Amino acid sequence: MINTLIYFGTDIENESIVSDEKFDEFLDVELADKVDGFSVSEITGYWKGTKEKTKIVSIFHEEEDYNLIRLLHKIALNYKDKFKQESVLIVKQKLESVDFI
């Protein structure tokens, strides 16, 4: 089992920020109906010395789910283009055990 974490910064080229509403709209269009479930967390991140609000999307999936992995990379690229981000971080964590109870 893999937990993929996608880190979305919310500063837009020092002009404004991605609002919670815009972020939710983005997820509704790009992700919500394409996966069984995911979680969103909000943290404070730093990018090149500047503090910014950051959203983390966490998705648990099978390691061999290459269609999902391609979809998540596409979503990251779409976010990067739409909200003028320099980059979007994707972290894949291999988990030893996951139990849904």
N, C-alpha and C. Protein backbone atom coordinates (compact mmCIF):
# COMPACT_ATOMS: atom_id res chain seq x y z
N MET A 1 0.85 -1.18 0.00
CA MET A 1 0.00 0.00 0.00
C MET A 1 0.90 1.25 0.00
N ILE A 2 0.45 2.26 -0.73
CA ILE A 2 1.18 3.53 -0.86
C ILE A 2 0.30 4.66 -0.35
N ASN A 3 0.91 5.61 0.33
CA ASN A 3 0.25 6.87 0.65
C ASN A 3 0.95 7.94 -0.18
N THR A 4 0.23 8.48 -1.14
CA THR A 4 0.78 9.57 -1.95
C THR A 4 0.30 10.88 -1.37
N LEU A 5 1.25 11.77 -1.11
CA LEU A 5 0.99 13.10 -0.58
C LEU A 5 1.34 14.11 -1.66
N ILE A 6 0.42 15.01 -1.94
CA ILE A 6 0.67 16.07 -2.91
C ILE A 6 0.61 17.40 -2.17
N TYR A 7 1.68 18.18 -2.25
CA TYR A 7 1.79 19.46 -1.56
C TYR A 7 1.50 20.58 -2.55
N PHE A 8 0.42 21.32 -2.28
CA PHE A 8 0.00 22.42 -3.14
C PHE A 8 0.22 23.75 -2.40
N GLY A 9 1.17 24.54 -2.86
CA GLY A 9 1.34 25.88 -2.31
C GLY A 9 0.20 26.77 -2.77
N THR A 10 -0.07 27.82 -2.02
CA THR A 10 -1.21 28.67 -2.37
C THR A 10 -0.84 30.10 -2.77
N ASP A 11 0.44 30.46 -2.72
CA ASP A 11 0.85 31.78 -3.21
C ASP A 11 0.89 31.75 -4.73
N ILE A 12 0.36 32.81 -5.36
CA ILE A 12 0.37 32.92 -6.82
C ILE A 12 1.32 34.05 -7.20
N GLU A 13 2.52 33.70 -7.59
CA GLU A 13 3.53 34.65 -8.07
C GLU A 13 3.47 35.99 -7.36
N ASN A 14 3.42 35.96 -6.03
CA ASN A 14 3.42 37.16 -5.20
C ASN A 14 2.30 38.14 -5.51
N GLU A 15 1.26 37.73 -6.24
CA GLU A 15 0.16 38.64 -6.51
C GLU A 15 -1.03 38.38 -5.62
N SER A 16 -1.32 37.13 -5.36
CA SER A 16 -2.48 36.78 -4.54
C SER A 16 -2.30 35.36 -4.03
N ILE A 17 -3.39 34.77 -3.55
CA ILE A 17 -3.33 33.39 -3.09
C ILE A 17 -4.46 32.58 -3.71
N VAL A 18 -4.32 31.27 -3.66
CA VAL A 18 -5.40 30.38 -4.05
C VAL A 18 -6.32 30.30 -2.84
N SER A 19 -7.53 30.80 -2.97
CA SER A 19 -8.48 30.79 -1.85
C SER A 19 -8.93 29.36 -1.57
N ASP A 20 -9.49 29.17 -0.38
CA ASP A 20 -10.03 27.85 -0.03
C ASP A 20 -11.11 27.44 -1.03
N GLU A 21 -11.93 28.40 -1.45
CA GLU A 21 -12.99 28.11 -2.41
C GLU A 21 -12.43 27.66 -3.76
N LYS A 22 -11.40 28.36 -4.25
CA LYS A 22 -10.78 27.99 -5.53
C LYS A 22 -10.10 26.62 -5.43
N PHE A 23 -9.48 26.35 -4.29
CA PHE A 23 -8.83 25.05 -4.11
C PHE A 23 -9.87 23.94 -4.10
N ASP A 24 -10.96 24.15 -3.36
CA ASP A 24 -12.03 23.15 -3.31
C ASP A 24 -12.64 22.92 -4.69
N GLU A 25 -12.84 23.99 -5.45
CA GLU A 25 -13.36 23.85 -6.82
C GLU A 25 -12.41 23.03 -7.67
N PHE A 26 -11.11 23.30 -7.53
CA PHE A 26 -10.10 22.56 -8.29
C PHE A 26 -10.19 21.07 -7.97
N LEU A 27 -10.26 20.73 -6.68
CA LEU A 27 -10.35 19.32 -6.30
C LEU A 27 -11.65 18.69 -6.76
N ASP A 28 -12.74 19.44 -6.71
CA ASP A 28 -14.03 18.91 -7.17
C ASP A 28 -13.96 18.51 -8.64
N VAL A 29 -13.31 19.33 -9.45
CA VAL A 29 -13.22 19.07 -10.89
C VAL A 29 -12.17 18.01 -11.20
N GLU A 30 -11.01 18.12 -10.58
CA GLU A 30 -9.86 17.30 -10.96
C GLU A 30 -9.78 15.93 -10.27
N LEU A 31 -10.34 15.81 -9.05
CA LEU A 31 -10.03 14.62 -8.26
C LEU A 31 -11.25 13.94 -7.62
N ALA A 32 -12.19 14.70 -7.13
CA ALA A 32 -13.23 14.16 -6.23
C ALA A 32 -13.96 12.95 -6.77
N ASP A 33 -14.33 12.95 -8.03
CA ASP A 33 -15.08 11.81 -8.57
C ASP A 33 -14.20 10.78 -9.26
N LYS A 34 -12.88 10.91 -9.12
CA LYS A 34 -11.96 10.01 -9.81
C LYS A 34 -11.28 9.01 -8.88
N VAL A 35 -11.44 9.19 -7.57
CA VAL A 35 -10.84 8.28 -6.59
C VAL A 35 -11.90 7.94 -5.53
N ASP A 36 -11.64 6.84 -4.82
CA ASP A 36 -12.59 6.44 -3.77
C ASP A 36 -12.60 7.43 -2.61
N GLY A 37 -11.45 7.97 -2.27
CA GLY A 37 -11.38 8.90 -1.15
C GLY A 37 -10.01 9.53 -1.03
N PHE A 38 -9.96 10.64 -0.33
CA PHE A 38 -8.71 11.33 -0.05
C PHE A 38 -8.93 12.27 1.12
N SER A 39 -7.85 12.74 1.69
CA SER A 39 -7.90 13.70 2.80
C SER A 39 -7.14 14.95 2.41
N VAL A 40 -7.57 16.07 2.96
CA VAL A 40 -6.89 17.35 2.73
C VAL A 40 -6.50 17.93 4.08
N SER A 41 -5.24 18.30 4.21
CA SER A 41 -4.73 18.97 5.42
C SER A 41 -4.17 20.32 5.02
N GLU A 42 -4.17 21.23 5.97
CA GLU A 42 -3.58 22.55 5.72
C GLU A 42 -2.42 22.75 6.69
N ILE A 43 -1.30 23.15 6.14
CA ILE A 43 -0.10 23.41 6.95
C ILE A 43 0.49 24.75 6.54
N THR A 44 1.47 25.18 7.29
CA THR A 44 2.28 26.32 6.88
C THR A 44 3.57 25.76 6.31
N GLY A 45 3.86 26.12 5.06
CA GLY A 45 5.09 25.67 4.42
C GLY A 45 5.99 26.86 4.13
N TYR A 46 7.21 26.55 3.77
CA TYR A 46 8.17 27.58 3.37
C TYR A 46 8.73 27.19 2.02
N TRP A 47 8.78 28.13 1.10
CA TRP A 47 9.36 27.90 -0.22
C TRP A 47 10.32 29.04 -0.50
N LYS A 48 11.60 28.69 -0.60
CA LYS A 48 12.66 29.67 -0.87
C LYS A 48 12.61 30.83 0.12
N GLY A 49 12.43 30.47 1.41
CA GLY A 49 12.47 31.46 2.48
C GLY A 49 11.18 32.21 2.73
N THR A 50 10.14 31.93 1.95
CA THR A 50 8.87 32.63 2.11
C THR A 50 7.81 31.68 2.66
N LYS A 51 7.13 32.13 3.70
CA LYS A 51 6.08 31.33 4.32
C LYS A 51 4.82 31.41 3.48
N GLU A 52 4.15 30.25 3.33
CA GLU A 52 2.87 30.25 2.61
C GLU A 52 1.98 29.13 3.13
N LYS A 53 0.67 29.36 3.02
CA LYS A 53 -0.29 28.33 3.36
C LYS A 53 -0.16 27.24 2.30
N THR A 54 -0.15 25.99 2.75
CA THR A 54 0.03 24.84 1.85
C THR A 54 -1.06 23.82 2.15
N LYS A 55 -1.59 23.22 1.11
CA LYS A 55 -2.58 22.16 1.24
C LYS A 55 -1.91 20.84 0.88
N ILE A 56 -2.18 19.82 1.67
CA ILE A 56 -1.67 18.48 1.39
C ILE A 56 -2.85 17.57 1.11
N VAL A 57 -2.82 16.92 -0.04
CA VAL A 57 -3.82 15.91 -0.38
C VAL A 57 -3.16 14.55 -0.19
N SER A 58 -3.81 13.69 0.59
CA SER A 58 -3.29 12.36 0.90
C SER A 58 -4.23 11.31 0.32
N ILE A 59 -3.65 10.38 -0.46
CA ILE A 59 -4.43 9.32 -1.09
C ILE A 59 -3.73 7.98 -0.85
N PHE A 60 -4.47 7.02 -0.31
CA PHE A 60 -3.96 5.67 -0.14
C PHE A 60 -4.35 4.85 -1.37
N HIS A 61 -3.40 4.08 -1.89
CA HIS A 61 -3.68 3.27 -3.08
C HIS A 61 -2.70 2.12 -3.20
N GLU A 62 -3.03 1.20 -4.06
CA GLU A 62 -2.14 0.07 -4.33
C GLU A 62 -0.92 0.56 -5.09
N GLU A 63 0.20 -0.07 -4.84
CA GLU A 63 1.47 0.34 -5.44
C GLU A 63 1.44 0.29 -6.97
N GLU A 64 0.77 -0.68 -7.53
CA GLU A 64 0.76 -0.88 -8.97
C GLU A 64 -0.34 -0.10 -9.69
N ASP A 65 -1.00 0.81 -9.04
CA ASP A 65 -2.10 1.57 -9.66
C ASP A 65 -1.53 2.69 -10.53
N TYR A 66 -1.01 2.30 -11.69
CA TYR A 66 -0.33 3.25 -12.57
C TYR A 66 -1.28 4.28 -13.16
N ASN A 67 -2.55 3.92 -13.38
CA ASN A 67 -3.51 4.90 -13.88
C ASN A 67 -3.71 6.02 -12.87
N LEU A 68 -3.80 5.66 -11.58
CA LEU A 68 -3.94 6.68 -10.54
C LEU A 68 -2.69 7.53 -10.45
N ILE A 69 -1.53 6.91 -10.51
CA ILE A 69 -0.28 7.66 -10.42
C ILE A 69 -0.18 8.67 -11.56
N ARG A 70 -0.55 8.26 -12.78
CA ARG A 70 -0.56 9.19 -13.92
C ARG A 70 -1.56 10.32 -13.69
N LEU A 71 -2.74 9.97 -13.17
CA LEU A 71 -3.76 10.98 -12.88
C LEU A 71 -3.23 12.01 -11.87
N LEU A 72 -2.58 11.55 -10.81
CA LEU A 72 -2.07 12.47 -9.79
C LEU A 72 -1.00 13.39 -10.35
N HIS A 73 -0.15 12.87 -11.22
CA HIS A 73 0.86 13.73 -11.87
C HIS A 73 0.18 14.76 -12.77
N LYS A 74 -0.86 14.35 -13.48
CA LYS A 74 -1.60 15.28 -14.34
C LYS A 74 -2.26 16.37 -13.50
N ILE A 75 -2.85 15.99 -12.37
CA ILE A 75 -3.48 16.97 -11.48
C ILE A 75 -2.44 17.97 -10.97
N ALA A 76 -1.27 17.48 -10.59
CA ALA A 76 -0.21 18.37 -10.11
C ALA A 76 0.21 19.35 -11.21
N LEU A 77 0.35 18.86 -12.44
CA LEU A 77 0.71 19.75 -13.56
C LEU A 77 -0.40 20.76 -13.84
N ASN A 78 -1.66 20.32 -13.77
CA ASN A 78 -2.78 21.24 -14.00
C ASN A 78 -2.81 22.34 -12.94
N TYR A 79 -2.58 21.97 -11.70
CA TYR A 79 -2.54 22.96 -10.61
C TYR A 79 -1.40 23.95 -10.83
N LYS A 80 -0.25 23.40 -11.17
CA LYS A 80 0.94 24.23 -11.41
C LYS A 80 0.66 25.27 -12.50
N ASP A 81 0.03 24.85 -13.59
CA ASP A 81 -0.28 25.77 -14.69
C ASP A 81 -1.38 26.75 -14.31
N LYS A 82 -2.45 26.26 -13.74
CA LYS A 82 -3.61 27.10 -13.43
C LYS A 82 -3.29 28.19 -12.42
N PHE A 83 -2.51 27.83 -11.39
CA PHE A 83 -2.24 28.77 -10.30
C PHE A 83 -0.80 29.29 -10.30
N LYS A 84 -0.12 29.17 -11.45
CA LYS A 84 1.21 29.75 -11.65
C LYS A 84 2.21 29.36 -10.56
N GLN A 85 2.28 28.05 -10.30
CA GLN A 85 3.20 27.54 -9.29
C GLN A 85 4.53 27.16 -9.93
N GLU A 86 5.61 27.38 -9.21
CA GLU A 86 6.92 26.96 -9.71
C GLU A 86 7.03 25.44 -9.69
N SER A 87 6.41 24.81 -8.67
CA SER A 87 6.44 23.35 -8.59
C SER A 87 5.33 22.88 -7.65
N VAL A 88 5.03 21.60 -7.75
CA VAL A 88 4.12 20.90 -6.85
C VAL A 88 4.86 19.64 -6.41
N LEU A 89 4.91 19.41 -5.11
CA LEU A 89 5.66 18.28 -4.56
C LEU A 89 4.75 17.06 -4.44
N ILE A 90 5.24 15.92 -4.93
CA ILE A 90 4.54 14.64 -4.77
C ILE A 90 5.47 13.69 -4.03
N VAL A 91 4.96 13.14 -2.92
CA VAL A 91 5.73 12.20 -2.11
C VAL A 91 4.97 10.89 -2.06
N LYS A 92 5.65 9.79 -2.38
CA LYS A 92 5.04 8.46 -2.28
C LYS A 92 5.70 7.72 -1.12
N GLN A 93 4.86 7.32 -0.16
CA GLN A 93 5.35 6.61 1.01
C GLN A 93 4.84 5.18 0.98
N LYS A 94 5.78 4.24 0.98
CA LYS A 94 5.39 2.83 1.02
C LYS A 94 5.05 2.48 2.46
N LEU A 95 3.86 1.92 2.65
CA LEU A 95 3.40 1.59 3.99
C LEU A 95 3.46 0.08 4.22
N GLU A 96 3.88 -0.30 5.38
CA GLU A 96 3.96 -1.72 5.69
C GLU A 96 2.58 -2.33 5.92
N SER A 97 1.71 -1.58 6.56
CA SER A 97 0.40 -2.13 6.88
C SER A 97 -0.63 -1.01 6.96
N VAL A 98 -1.80 -1.25 6.39
CA VAL A 98 -2.93 -0.33 6.46
C VAL A 98 -4.17 -1.16 6.71
N ASP A 99 -4.97 -0.78 7.68
CA ASP A 99 -6.21 -1.50 7.98
C ASP A 99 -7.37 -0.52 7.94
N PHE A 100 -8.37 -0.82 7.13
CA PHE A 100 -9.62 -0.07 7.15
C PHE A 100 -10.58 -0.89 8.02
N ILE A 101 -11.05 -0.30 9.09
CA ILE A 101 -11.90 -1.03 10.03
C ILE A 101 -13.28 -0.39 10.09
